[in-house]
Amino acid sequence: MDQDYESRLLRQINIHNANASPVKSPGALRALSPASSPLSSPSKHGDRFIPSRAGANWSVNFHRINEIEKSHNQNRKTKDGTADSNKADGLAYSALLKNELLGAGIDKVQDPQSEDRRLQPSTPTRRSLFKYSLSTKRFLEEDGNAVSPYSLSPVSSNSQKLLRSPRKPMRKISKIPFKVLDAPELQDDFYLNLVDWSSLNVLSVGLGTCVYLWSACTSQVTRLCDLSVEGDSVTSVGWSERGNLVAVGTHKGYVQIWDSAAGKKLSALEGHTARVGALAWNADQLSSGSRDRVILQRDIRAPPLQSERRLQGHRQEVCGLKWSTDHQLLASGGNDNKLLVWNHSSVLPMQQYTEHLAAVKAIAWSPHQHGLLASGGGTADRCIRFWNTLTGQPLYCTDTGSQVCNLAWSKHTNELVSTHGYSQNQILVWKYPSLTQAMSPDGEAIVTGAGDETLRFWNVFSKMRSTKESVSVLNLFTRIR
């Protein structure tokens, strides 16, 4: 036998025996102890990459290679919200079996709704069957997998920790609305904003030539106005922040201000030459966007001509308007595929984003991160994009697969809801900034208007809320169309 080959073979046998048993081999093999072995030194390695079998724990590692692949496949299958509480129970039971049969050392089960649903062991998990360096940690009976002789439990200490670990409740999503209201003559037009919910829990809906109010507390329906006598129709509605005034945009280009409690029209603002499809309040200031490509900003307390500001930056119809949560910036979207950001001191846009490939109607400012703006594109674009308006830089983009009609942030969690039209007509909830679809939304309601002339109410966001807020489940903060 070749002398060099024999030397290498003896070295490997010695290493294997040294790791398998604390008893040293007699004779010539005793001279090659692990301390003096070239392979045990971090600066010296053998000339052949022979995997070390010491502490390999192949039964566990081999099982987890398949498990990781199955987990990724399952994640892709359950992103539509079809998972239920049985999934969490199955994960806990699977972890318990791995501990008792394979000695996996798992002491907690990760939330199945998180992005990575793999079981988390208390010891480092090997991703491959083989390793080419000696383990510095020996797999001894005292690693937490053994059952103490003084324990009253038949399972190991890690399994006991797993069973005692708190379980997060599964969030449920209902695929059917909890309430449906008939809305005859509700126009099926992407560019109009005909539904809005006030801070006083009253829903305003534009149906043909009329505006109706529906109280979420009493379910009472009242007709606020009828524009048929003027030969006009409703193209947008928008509540003031205090919820006592409602603005009504019309097809002829007027903006009417109504006192909802008294049912009285306070004023009719002129200035637009085409339909007004977008409205946005900022305290006592009202911004209106029109098909005439102009944004008018007026203070309803002052004479119209004295307080009017004309913002001209879009080349086609203005279909989206939204003020930032700090009332300093106005975002506007248009049928020219542009998203513009305006401030109080200039009649020219301070920022202009042109990445969208279709009309930008869906706009939402984040209440959690200053300067974070989300926007959604129409049928030819289908993307939700996020912007840092403090630096003017784009952040993230995700393709939703269908026309984005509206966006709204949750007040309590860093999640975003999007409503869609052609072609999938879905409602999606996104976790930010991972942009993964949230598993099972539950809690606060939104309302959507559909082409079948109905209003549908959905449970969407978490029920967590401030103690200062109303406890009504229908206390909305958003505008969804």
Protein backbone atom coordinates (compact mmCIF):
# COMPACT_ATOMS: atom_id res chain seq x y z
CA MET A 1 0.00 0.00 0.00
CA ASP A 2 1.25 3.47 -0.84
CA GLN A 3 2.77 5.07 2.24
CA ASP A 4 1.16 8.47 1.72
CA TYR A 5 -2.30 6.91 1.11
CA GLU A 6 -1.96 4.77 4.24
CA SER A 7 -1.02 7.82 6.30
CA ARG A 8 -4.07 9.77 5.12
CA LEU A 9 -6.36 6.80 5.73
CA LEU A 10 -5.10 6.33 9.26
CA ARG A 11 -5.55 10.03 9.93
CA GLN A 12 -9.22 9.91 8.90
CA ILE A 13 -9.87 6.75 10.93
CA ASN A 14 -8.29 8.39 13.97
CA ILE A 15 -10.44 11.51 13.60
CA HIS A 16 -13.59 9.42 13.26
CA ASN A 17 -12.77 7.33 16.34
CA ALA A 18 -11.81 10.37 18.38
CA ASN A 19 -15.20 11.98 17.75
CA ALA A 20 -17.15 8.77 18.23
CA SER A 21 -15.59 7.71 21.54
CA PRO A 22 -13.65 9.44 24.30
CA VAL A 23 -11.37 6.37 24.59
CA LYS A 24 -8.11 6.81 22.72
CA SER A 25 -6.87 4.13 20.35
CA PRO A 26 -3.74 2.26 21.40
CA GLY A 27 -0.50 1.96 19.56
CA ALA A 28 0.48 4.03 16.59
CA LEU A 29 -2.97 5.65 16.27
CA ARG A 30 -2.54 7.27 19.68
CA ALA A 31 0.15 9.56 18.29
CA LEU A 32 -2.32 11.11 15.87
CA SER A 33 -4.64 12.77 18.37
CA PRO A 34 -7.19 15.39 17.25
CA ALA A 35 -5.08 18.11 18.83
CA SER A 36 -2.13 17.22 16.59
CA SER A 37 -4.15 16.36 13.49
CA PRO A 38 -3.57 18.69 10.54
CA LEU A 39 -7.30 18.71 9.86
CA SER A 40 -8.16 19.96 13.34
CA SER A 41 -6.08 23.10 12.90
CA PRO A 42 -8.00 26.05 11.48
CA SER A 43 -4.99 27.01 9.35
CA LYS A 44 -4.23 23.54 7.94
CA HIS A 45 -6.41 21.24 5.89
CA GLY A 46 -5.98 17.91 4.20
CA ASP A 47 -5.51 17.55 0.49
CA ARG A 48 -8.84 15.75 0.03
CA PHE A 49 -12.31 17.10 0.83
CA ILE A 50 -13.65 14.14 2.77
CA PRO A 51 -16.81 15.02 4.71
CA SER A 52 -16.74 14.60 8.46
CA ARG A 53 -19.39 12.20 9.73
CA ALA A 54 -19.08 13.28 13.36
CA GLY A 55 -22.33 14.80 14.61
CA ALA A 56 -23.79 14.88 11.10
CA ASN A 57 -27.31 14.01 12.33
CA TRP A 58 -28.25 12.94 8.79
CA SER A 59 -31.76 11.77 9.65
CA VAL A 60 -32.78 15.27 10.67
CA ASN A 61 -30.89 17.11 7.93
CA PHE A 62 -32.19 14.86 5.18
CA HIS A 63 -35.76 15.37 6.37
CA ARG A 64 -35.37 19.15 6.50
CA ILE A 65 -34.03 19.43 2.98
CA ASN A 66 -37.37 18.13 1.73
CA GLU A 67 -39.26 20.12 4.35
CA ILE A 68 -37.77 23.44 3.24
CA GLU A 69 -38.82 22.81 -0.34
CA LYS A 70 -42.32 21.81 0.75
CA SER A 71 -42.55 24.92 2.93
CA HIS A 72 -41.73 27.24 0.03
CA ASN A 73 -44.28 25.49 -2.17
CA GLN A 74 -46.90 25.72 0.57
CA ASN A 75 -46.19 29.44 1.02
CA ARG A 76 -46.93 30.04 -2.63
CA LYS A 77 -50.16 28.07 -2.39
CA THR A 78 -51.50 29.78 0.73
CA LYS A 79 -50.84 33.42 -0.09
CA ASP A 80 -54.45 33.76 -1.17
CA GLY A 81 -55.58 33.50 2.47
CA THR A 82 -56.83 29.88 2.46
CA ALA A 83 -54.79 28.80 5.51
CA ASP A 84 -56.67 28.16 8.75
CA SER A 85 -55.91 27.34 12.37
CA ASN A 86 -55.31 23.66 11.51
CA LYS A 87 -52.06 24.72 9.85
CA ALA A 88 -50.64 26.07 13.12
CA ASP A 89 -51.68 22.92 14.97
CA GLY A 90 -50.02 20.80 12.31
CA LEU A 91 -46.77 22.76 12.60
CA ALA A 92 -46.70 22.33 16.38
CA TYR A 93 -47.42 18.60 16.14
CA SER A 94 -44.76 18.15 13.46
CA ALA A 95 -42.20 19.97 15.61
CA LEU A 96 -43.06 17.79 18.59
CA LEU A 97 -42.52 14.61 16.58
CA LYS A 98 -39.16 15.87 15.27
CA ASN A 99 -38.01 16.58 18.80
CA GLU A 100 -38.97 13.20 20.22
CA LEU A 101 -38.06 10.99 17.25
CA LEU A 102 -35.23 12.85 15.55
CA GLY A 103 -33.83 15.03 18.35
CA ALA A 104 -34.31 18.19 16.30
CA GLY A 105 -34.18 20.53 19.31
CA ILE A 106 -37.08 22.79 18.27
CA ASP A 107 -38.33 24.89 21.16
CA LYS A 108 -40.74 27.24 19.36
CA VAL A 109 -42.90 27.33 16.27
CA GLN A 110 -42.76 30.44 14.14
CA ASP A 111 -45.95 32.25 13.21
CA PRO A 112 -47.34 30.44 10.14
CA GLN A 113 -48.39 33.81 8.69
CA SER A 114 -44.84 35.16 8.63
CA GLU A 115 -42.84 35.26 5.45
CA ASP A 116 -40.66 32.32 6.48
CA ARG A 117 -42.83 29.59 8.00
CA ARG A 118 -40.07 27.07 8.64
CA LEU A 119 -39.67 25.62 12.12
CA GLN A 120 -37.01 27.40 14.11
CA PRO A 121 -34.71 25.10 16.14
CA SER A 122 -32.88 26.19 19.24
CA THR A 123 -29.61 24.91 17.72
CA PRO A 124 -28.21 25.94 14.34
CA THR A 125 -29.88 24.07 11.47
CA ARG A 126 -27.61 22.48 8.88
CA ARG A 127 -28.67 23.18 5.31
CA SER A 128 -26.68 20.31 3.76
CA LEU A 129 -26.06 16.66 4.49
CA PHE A 130 -22.26 16.95 4.45
CA LYS A 131 -19.77 19.26 6.12
CA TYR A 132 -16.04 19.50 5.60
CA SER A 133 -14.86 20.81 8.95
CA LEU A 134 -14.94 19.41 12.43
CA SER A 135 -17.83 20.48 14.62
CA THR A 136 -16.85 22.48 17.67
CA LYS A 137 -20.03 21.38 19.48
CA ARG A 138 -20.60 17.77 20.43
CA PHE A 139 -24.12 16.41 20.32
CA LEU A 140 -24.41 15.21 23.89
CA GLU A 141 -27.34 13.93 25.90
CA GLU A 142 -27.39 17.19 27.87
CA ASP A 143 -28.29 19.40 24.84
CA GLY A 144 -31.95 19.74 25.87
CA ASN A 145 -33.33 16.79 23.92
CA ALA A 146 -33.06 14.35 26.78
CA VAL A 147 -35.74 13.83 29.40
CA SER A 148 -34.63 14.69 32.92
CA PRO A 149 -35.08 11.84 35.41
CA TYR A 150 -36.74 14.35 37.74
CA SER A 151 -39.20 15.67 35.15
CA LEU A 152 -42.88 14.76 35.38
CA SER A 153 -43.29 15.25 31.63
CA PRO A 154 -42.70 12.40 29.18
CA VAL A 155 -41.24 14.77 26.57
CA SER A 156 -37.89 16.54 26.38
CA SER A 157 -37.21 20.03 27.71
CA ASN A 158 -37.27 21.55 24.21
CA SER A 159 -40.66 19.98 23.56
CA GLN A 160 -41.90 21.34 26.87
CA LYS A 161 -40.81 24.84 25.82
CA LEU A 162 -42.53 24.35 22.48
CA LEU A 163 -45.82 23.32 24.14
CA ARG A 164 -45.64 26.25 26.58
CA SER A 165 -44.83 28.85 23.91
CA PRO A 166 -47.67 31.31 23.26
CA ARG A 167 -49.66 30.81 20.10
CA LYS A 168 -50.66 33.80 18.02
CA PRO A 169 -54.31 33.68 16.94
CA MET A 170 -54.89 33.15 13.25
CA ARG A 171 -56.34 36.13 11.39
CA LYS A 172 -59.36 35.21 9.35
CA ILE A 173 -60.58 36.64 6.10
CA SER A 174 -64.08 36.32 4.82
CA LYS A 175 -64.42 35.98 1.09
CA ILE A 176 -67.94 37.32 1.21
CA PRO A 177 -68.95 40.83 2.33
CA PHE A 178 -70.68 41.14 5.68
CA LYS A 179 -73.15 43.67 4.26
CA VAL A 180 -74.45 44.48 0.79
CA LEU A 181 -76.47 47.58 -0.08
CA ASP A 182 -78.26 48.20 -3.35
CA ALA A 183 -76.86 51.23 -5.18
CA PRO A 184 -78.95 51.82 -8.33
CA GLU A 185 -77.42 54.13 -10.94
CA LEU A 186 -73.94 53.81 -9.44
CA GLN A 187 -71.76 54.66 -12.43
CA ASP A 188 -69.15 52.10 -13.43
CA ASP A 189 -66.44 54.64 -14.30
CA PHE A 190 -62.80 54.21 -13.24
CA TYR A 191 -62.17 57.98 -13.19
CA LEU A 192 -64.96 58.92 -10.76
CA ASN A 193 -64.92 58.88 -6.94
CA LEU A 194 -68.52 58.32 -5.90
CA VAL A 195 -68.18 56.78 -2.43
CA ASP A 196 -66.71 58.34 0.73
CA TRP A 197 -67.01 57.67 4.47
CA SER A 198 -66.96 60.45 7.04
CA SER A 199 -65.26 60.59 10.42
CA LEU A 200 -68.77 60.63 11.93
CA ASN A 201 -69.55 57.21 10.47
CA VAL A 202 -71.79 58.36 7.63
CA LEU A 203 -71.40 57.06 4.09
CA SER A 204 -72.02 59.36 1.12
CA VAL A 205 -72.77 57.86 -2.27
CA GLY A 206 -73.32 59.53 -5.61
CA LEU A 207 -76.05 57.73 -7.56
CA GLY A 208 -76.84 59.31 -10.90
CA THR A 209 -78.09 62.82 -10.15
CA CYS A 210 -78.46 62.33 -6.37
CA VAL A 211 -76.27 62.06 -3.31
CA TYR A 212 -77.46 59.74 -0.55
CA LEU A 213 -76.24 59.48 3.03
CA TRP A 214 -76.26 56.18 4.94
CA SER A 215 -75.62 56.15 8.68
CA ALA A 216 -73.58 53.15 9.83
CA CYS A 217 -74.91 53.59 13.36
CA THR A 218 -78.63 53.67 12.57
CA SER A 219 -78.70 52.28 8.98
CA GLN A 220 -80.87 55.26 8.10
CA VAL A 221 -80.76 56.48 4.48
CA THR A 222 -81.42 60.12 3.53
CA ARG A 223 -81.18 61.94 0.24
CA LEU A 224 -78.89 64.94 0.50
CA CYS A 225 -79.40 66.54 -2.92
CA ASP A 226 -80.83 66.01 -6.38
CA LEU A 227 -79.11 67.69 -9.32
CA SER A 228 -81.67 66.64 -11.90
CA VAL A 229 -83.40 70.02 -11.61
CA GLU A 230 -80.13 71.61 -12.74
CA GLY A 231 -79.61 69.10 -15.55
CA ASP A 232 -76.44 67.88 -13.85
CA SER A 233 -75.11 64.64 -12.34
CA VAL A 234 -72.74 63.62 -9.53
CA THR A 235 -69.14 62.73 -10.45
CA SER A 236 -67.42 62.82 -7.03
CA VAL A 237 -68.10 63.18 -3.31
CA GLY A 238 -65.75 63.99 -0.44
CA TRP A 239 -66.23 64.53 3.30
CA SER A 240 -64.44 67.23 5.25
CA GLU A 241 -62.11 66.04 8.00
CA ARG A 242 -64.59 66.93 10.76
CA GLY A 243 -67.32 65.07 8.92
CA ASN A 244 -69.92 67.85 8.95
CA LEU A 245 -69.50 69.07 5.35
CA VAL A 246 -69.59 67.09 2.15
CA ALA A 247 -68.32 68.36 -1.21
CA VAL A 248 -70.08 67.25 -4.38
CA GLY A 249 -68.36 67.45 -7.76
CA THR A 250 -70.62 67.59 -10.80
CA HIS A 251 -70.48 66.70 -14.49
CA LYS A 252 -70.76 70.38 -15.49
CA GLY A 253 -67.70 71.34 -13.45
CA TYR A 254 -69.29 72.72 -10.28
CA VAL A 255 -68.25 71.94 -6.70
CA GLN A 256 -71.11 72.20 -4.23
CA ILE A 257 -70.61 72.39 -0.46
CA TRP A 258 -73.38 70.86 1.66
CA ASP A 259 -74.08 70.84 5.40
CA SER A 260 -74.96 67.20 6.02
CA ALA A 261 -76.74 67.80 9.34
CA ALA A 262 -78.98 70.58 8.06
CA GLY A 263 -79.31 69.16 4.54
CA LYS A 264 -78.55 72.62 3.16
CA LYS A 265 -76.31 73.72 0.29
CA LEU A 266 -73.84 76.32 1.53
CA SER A 267 -72.15 77.29 -1.74
CA ALA A 268 -71.54 76.32 -5.34
CA LEU A 269 -68.00 76.91 -6.56
CA GLU A 270 -67.31 77.61 -10.22
CA GLY A 271 -64.02 77.56 -12.09
CA HIS A 272 -63.83 74.19 -13.83
CA THR A 273 -64.95 73.75 -17.43
CA ALA A 274 -65.41 69.96 -17.30
CA ARG A 275 -66.46 67.26 -14.84
CA VAL A 276 -64.89 67.18 -11.38
CA GLY A 277 -63.81 63.61 -10.64
CA ALA A 278 -61.47 64.09 -7.65
CA LEU A 279 -61.83 65.97 -4.35
CA ALA A 280 -59.49 66.32 -1.35
CA TRP A 281 -60.02 68.31 1.86
CA ASN A 282 -57.25 69.92 3.90
CA ALA A 283 -58.91 71.49 6.95
CA ASP A 284 -61.00 74.34 5.43
CA GLN A 285 -59.23 74.13 2.08
CA LEU A 286 -60.75 72.05 -0.70
CA SER A 287 -58.83 70.81 -3.74
CA SER A 288 -60.70 69.67 -6.83
CA GLY A 289 -59.38 67.94 -9.94
CA SER A 290 -61.14 68.03 -13.26
CA ARG A 291 -61.14 66.69 -16.80
CA ASP A 292 -60.07 70.22 -17.83
CA ARG A 293 -56.59 69.19 -16.47
CA VAL A 294 -56.64 71.86 -13.74
CA ILE A 295 -56.50 71.49 -9.96
CA LEU A 296 -58.28 74.28 -8.07
CA GLN A 297 -57.48 74.86 -4.41
CA ARG A 298 -59.88 77.09 -2.48
CA ASP A 299 -60.61 78.14 1.10
CA ILE A 300 -64.33 77.72 1.65
CA ARG A 301 -64.30 80.46 4.32
CA ALA A 302 -63.17 83.14 1.87
CA PRO A 303 -64.64 84.41 -1.39
CA PRO A 304 -63.75 81.92 -4.16
CA LEU A 305 -61.74 84.27 -6.34
CA GLN A 306 -59.64 85.59 -3.45
CA SER A 307 -58.51 82.20 -2.15
CA GLU A 308 -58.27 80.30 -5.44
CA ARG A 309 -54.99 78.68 -6.54
CA ARG A 310 -54.73 77.08 -9.98
CA LEU A 311 -52.33 74.15 -10.23
CA GLN A 312 -51.53 73.21 -13.79
CA GLY A 313 -49.19 70.30 -14.45
CA HIS A 314 -51.26 67.49 -15.93
CA ARG A 315 -51.90 67.14 -19.64
CA GLN A 316 -55.03 65.02 -19.24
CA GLU A 317 -57.84 64.52 -16.73
CA VAL A 318 -56.95 64.71 -13.04
CA CYS A 319 -58.43 61.57 -11.47
CA GLY A 320 -56.64 61.25 -8.11
CA LEU A 321 -56.02 63.72 -5.27
CA LYS A 322 -54.76 63.12 -1.74
CA TRP A 323 -53.28 65.38 0.96
CA SER A 324 -50.45 64.08 3.12
CA THR A 325 -51.16 63.28 6.77
CA ASP A 326 -49.23 66.38 7.91
CA HIS A 327 -51.31 68.59 5.53
CA GLN A 328 -48.19 69.93 3.80
CA LEU A 329 -48.13 68.13 0.44
CA LEU A 330 -50.76 67.34 -2.16
CA ALA A 331 -50.34 64.36 -4.48
CA SER A 332 -52.21 64.29 -7.77
CA GLY A 333 -52.58 61.58 -10.37
CA GLY A 334 -53.73 61.99 -13.94
CA ASN A 335 -54.75 60.17 -17.06
CA ASP A 336 -51.40 61.30 -18.52
CA ASN A 337 -49.74 58.57 -16.36
CA LYS A 338 -48.10 61.19 -14.14
CA LEU A 339 -47.92 61.45 -10.36
CA LEU A 340 -47.23 65.01 -9.17
CA VAL A 341 -46.48 66.35 -5.69
CA TRP A 342 -47.34 69.97 -4.78
CA ASN A 343 -46.64 72.18 -1.78
CA HIS A 344 -48.31 75.34 -0.45
CA SER A 345 -45.76 77.83 -1.77
CA SER A 346 -45.71 77.15 -5.50
CA VAL A 347 -48.11 76.67 -8.39
CA LEU A 348 -45.64 74.31 -10.04
CA PRO A 349 -45.14 70.71 -8.91
CA MET A 350 -42.14 70.16 -6.66
CA GLN A 351 -41.84 66.51 -7.78
CA GLN A 352 -42.93 64.61 -10.85
CA TYR A 353 -42.96 60.82 -11.26
CA THR A 354 -43.49 59.31 -14.69
CA GLU A 355 -42.81 55.60 -14.13
CA HIS A 356 -46.46 54.50 -14.35
CA LEU A 357 -47.67 53.29 -17.75
CA ALA A 358 -51.36 54.07 -17.25
CA ALA A 359 -53.67 56.50 -15.46
CA VAL A 360 -52.82 57.15 -11.80
CA LYS A 361 -55.99 57.28 -9.73
CA ALA A 362 -55.01 55.32 -6.59
CA ILE A 363 -52.97 57.46 -4.17
CA ALA A 364 -52.27 56.98 -0.44
CA TRP A 365 -49.91 58.62 2.04
CA SER A 366 -48.53 56.43 4.80
CA PRO A 367 -49.54 57.41 8.35
CA HIS A 368 -46.57 55.43 9.72
CA GLN A 369 -43.62 56.85 7.76
CA HIS A 370 -43.22 60.52 6.97
CA GLY A 371 -43.00 61.25 3.26
CA LEU A 372 -43.92 57.72 2.10
CA LEU A 373 -46.37 57.79 -0.82
CA ALA A 374 -48.02 54.87 -2.61
CA SER A 375 -49.63 55.05 -6.05
CA GLY A 376 -51.34 52.58 -8.36
CA GLY A 377 -51.64 52.45 -12.13
CA GLY A 378 -54.49 51.53 -14.45
CA THR A 379 -55.03 48.59 -16.75
CA ALA A 380 -51.89 49.03 -18.86
CA ASP A 381 -49.71 49.38 -15.77
CA ARG A 382 -51.22 47.30 -12.91
CA CYS A 383 -48.38 48.25 -10.54
CA ILE A 384 -48.30 49.68 -7.03
CA ARG A 385 -45.28 51.93 -6.60
CA PHE A 386 -43.84 53.47 -3.44
CA TRP A 387 -42.00 56.80 -3.33
CA ASN A 388 -39.88 58.66 -0.81
CA THR A 389 -41.06 62.24 -1.31
CA LEU A 390 -38.38 63.53 1.08
CA THR A 391 -35.65 62.52 -1.37
CA GLY A 392 -37.71 62.18 -4.54
CA GLN A 393 -36.55 58.61 -5.04
CA PRO A 394 -38.59 55.53 -6.00
CA LEU A 395 -38.59 52.75 -3.40
CA TYR A 396 -40.48 49.61 -4.36
CA CYS A 397 -42.77 48.34 -7.09
CA THR A 398 -45.07 45.31 -7.29
CA ASP A 399 -47.21 44.08 -10.18
CA THR A 400 -50.74 43.31 -8.94
CA GLY A 401 -51.99 41.73 -12.16
CA SER A 402 -54.98 44.04 -12.65
CA GLN A 403 -56.09 47.67 -12.70
CA VAL A 404 -55.46 49.45 -9.37
CA CYS A 405 -58.56 51.47 -8.46
CA ASN A 406 -57.73 52.67 -4.95
CA LEU A 407 -55.25 52.41 -2.08
CA ALA A 408 -55.55 52.95 1.67
CA TRP A 409 -53.17 52.44 4.58
CA SER A 410 -54.20 50.91 7.88
CA LYS A 411 -53.99 53.34 10.78
CA HIS A 412 -52.80 50.69 13.21
CA THR A 413 -50.52 48.34 11.28
CA ASN A 414 -48.04 48.86 8.47
CA GLU A 415 -50.37 47.32 5.91
CA LEU A 416 -51.94 48.61 2.72
CA VAL A 417 -55.20 47.58 1.07
CA SER A 418 -55.66 47.84 -2.69
CA THR A 419 -58.88 47.47 -4.66
CA HIS A 420 -58.81 46.40 -8.27
CA GLY A 421 -60.90 46.49 -11.42
CA TYR A 422 -60.16 44.85 -14.74
CA SER A 423 -59.47 42.02 -14.96
CA GLN A 424 -59.44 40.24 -11.58
CA ASN A 425 -61.63 42.64 -9.53
CA GLN A 426 -59.90 41.61 -6.29
CA ILE A 427 -59.12 43.18 -2.92
CA LEU A 428 -55.54 42.66 -1.71
CA VAL A 429 -53.86 43.47 1.60
CA TRP A 430 -50.09 44.02 1.55
CA LYS A 431 -47.49 44.03 4.30
CA TYR A 432 -45.03 46.89 3.96
CA PRO A 433 -42.14 46.94 3.16
CA SER A 434 -41.99 43.23 2.31
CA LEU A 435 -44.93 43.69 -0.10
CA THR A 436 -46.15 40.17 0.61
CA GLN A 437 -49.87 39.71 0.58
CA ALA A 438 -51.16 39.56 4.13
CA MET A 439 -52.59 36.15 4.99
CA SER A 440 -55.90 36.90 6.67
CA PRO A 441 -57.07 40.48 7.25
CA ASP A 442 -59.75 41.05 9.88
CA GLY A 443 -61.28 44.00 11.68
CA GLU A 444 -61.88 47.46 10.27
CA ALA A 445 -64.28 47.68 7.37
CA ILE A 446 -64.00 49.18 3.92
CA VAL A 447 -66.72 49.67 1.34
CA THR A 448 -66.38 49.08 -2.38
CA GLY A 449 -68.67 50.13 -5.19
CA ALA A 450 -69.14 47.61 -7.99
CA GLY A 451 -70.46 47.68 -11.54
CA ASP A 452 -73.43 45.56 -10.47
CA GLU A 453 -74.79 48.65 -8.67
CA THR A 454 -74.09 47.42 -5.15
CA LEU A 455 -72.02 48.61 -2.20
CA ARG A 456 -70.15 45.80 -0.45
CA PHE A 457 -68.67 46.02 3.04
CA TRP A 458 -65.56 44.00 3.92
CA ASN A 459 -63.59 43.30 7.09
CA VAL A 460 -60.00 44.20 6.25
CA PHE A 461 -57.64 45.56 8.89
CA SER A 462 -56.71 44.66 12.45
CA LYS A 463 -59.16 45.39 15.27
CA MET A 464 -56.43 47.06 17.34
CA ARG A 465 -57.37 50.68 17.89
CA SER A 466 -56.72 53.61 20.15
CA THR A 467 -58.94 54.00 23.21
CA LYS A 468 -59.78 57.52 22.01
CA GLU A 469 -61.41 56.21 18.86
CA SER A 470 -64.96 54.99 18.44
CA VAL A 471 -65.45 51.30 19.08
CA SER A 472 -67.77 50.96 16.08
CA VAL A 473 -66.55 48.36 13.62
CA LEU A 474 -67.65 50.67 10.81
CA ASN A 475 -65.61 53.66 11.94
CA LEU A 476 -63.66 54.12 8.73
CA PHE A 477 -60.76 56.32 7.87
CA THR A 478 -60.46 55.77 4.18
CA ARG A 479 -62.03 56.26 0.82
CA ILE A 480 -62.49 53.15 -1.26
CA ARG A 481 -64.14 52.99 -4.66
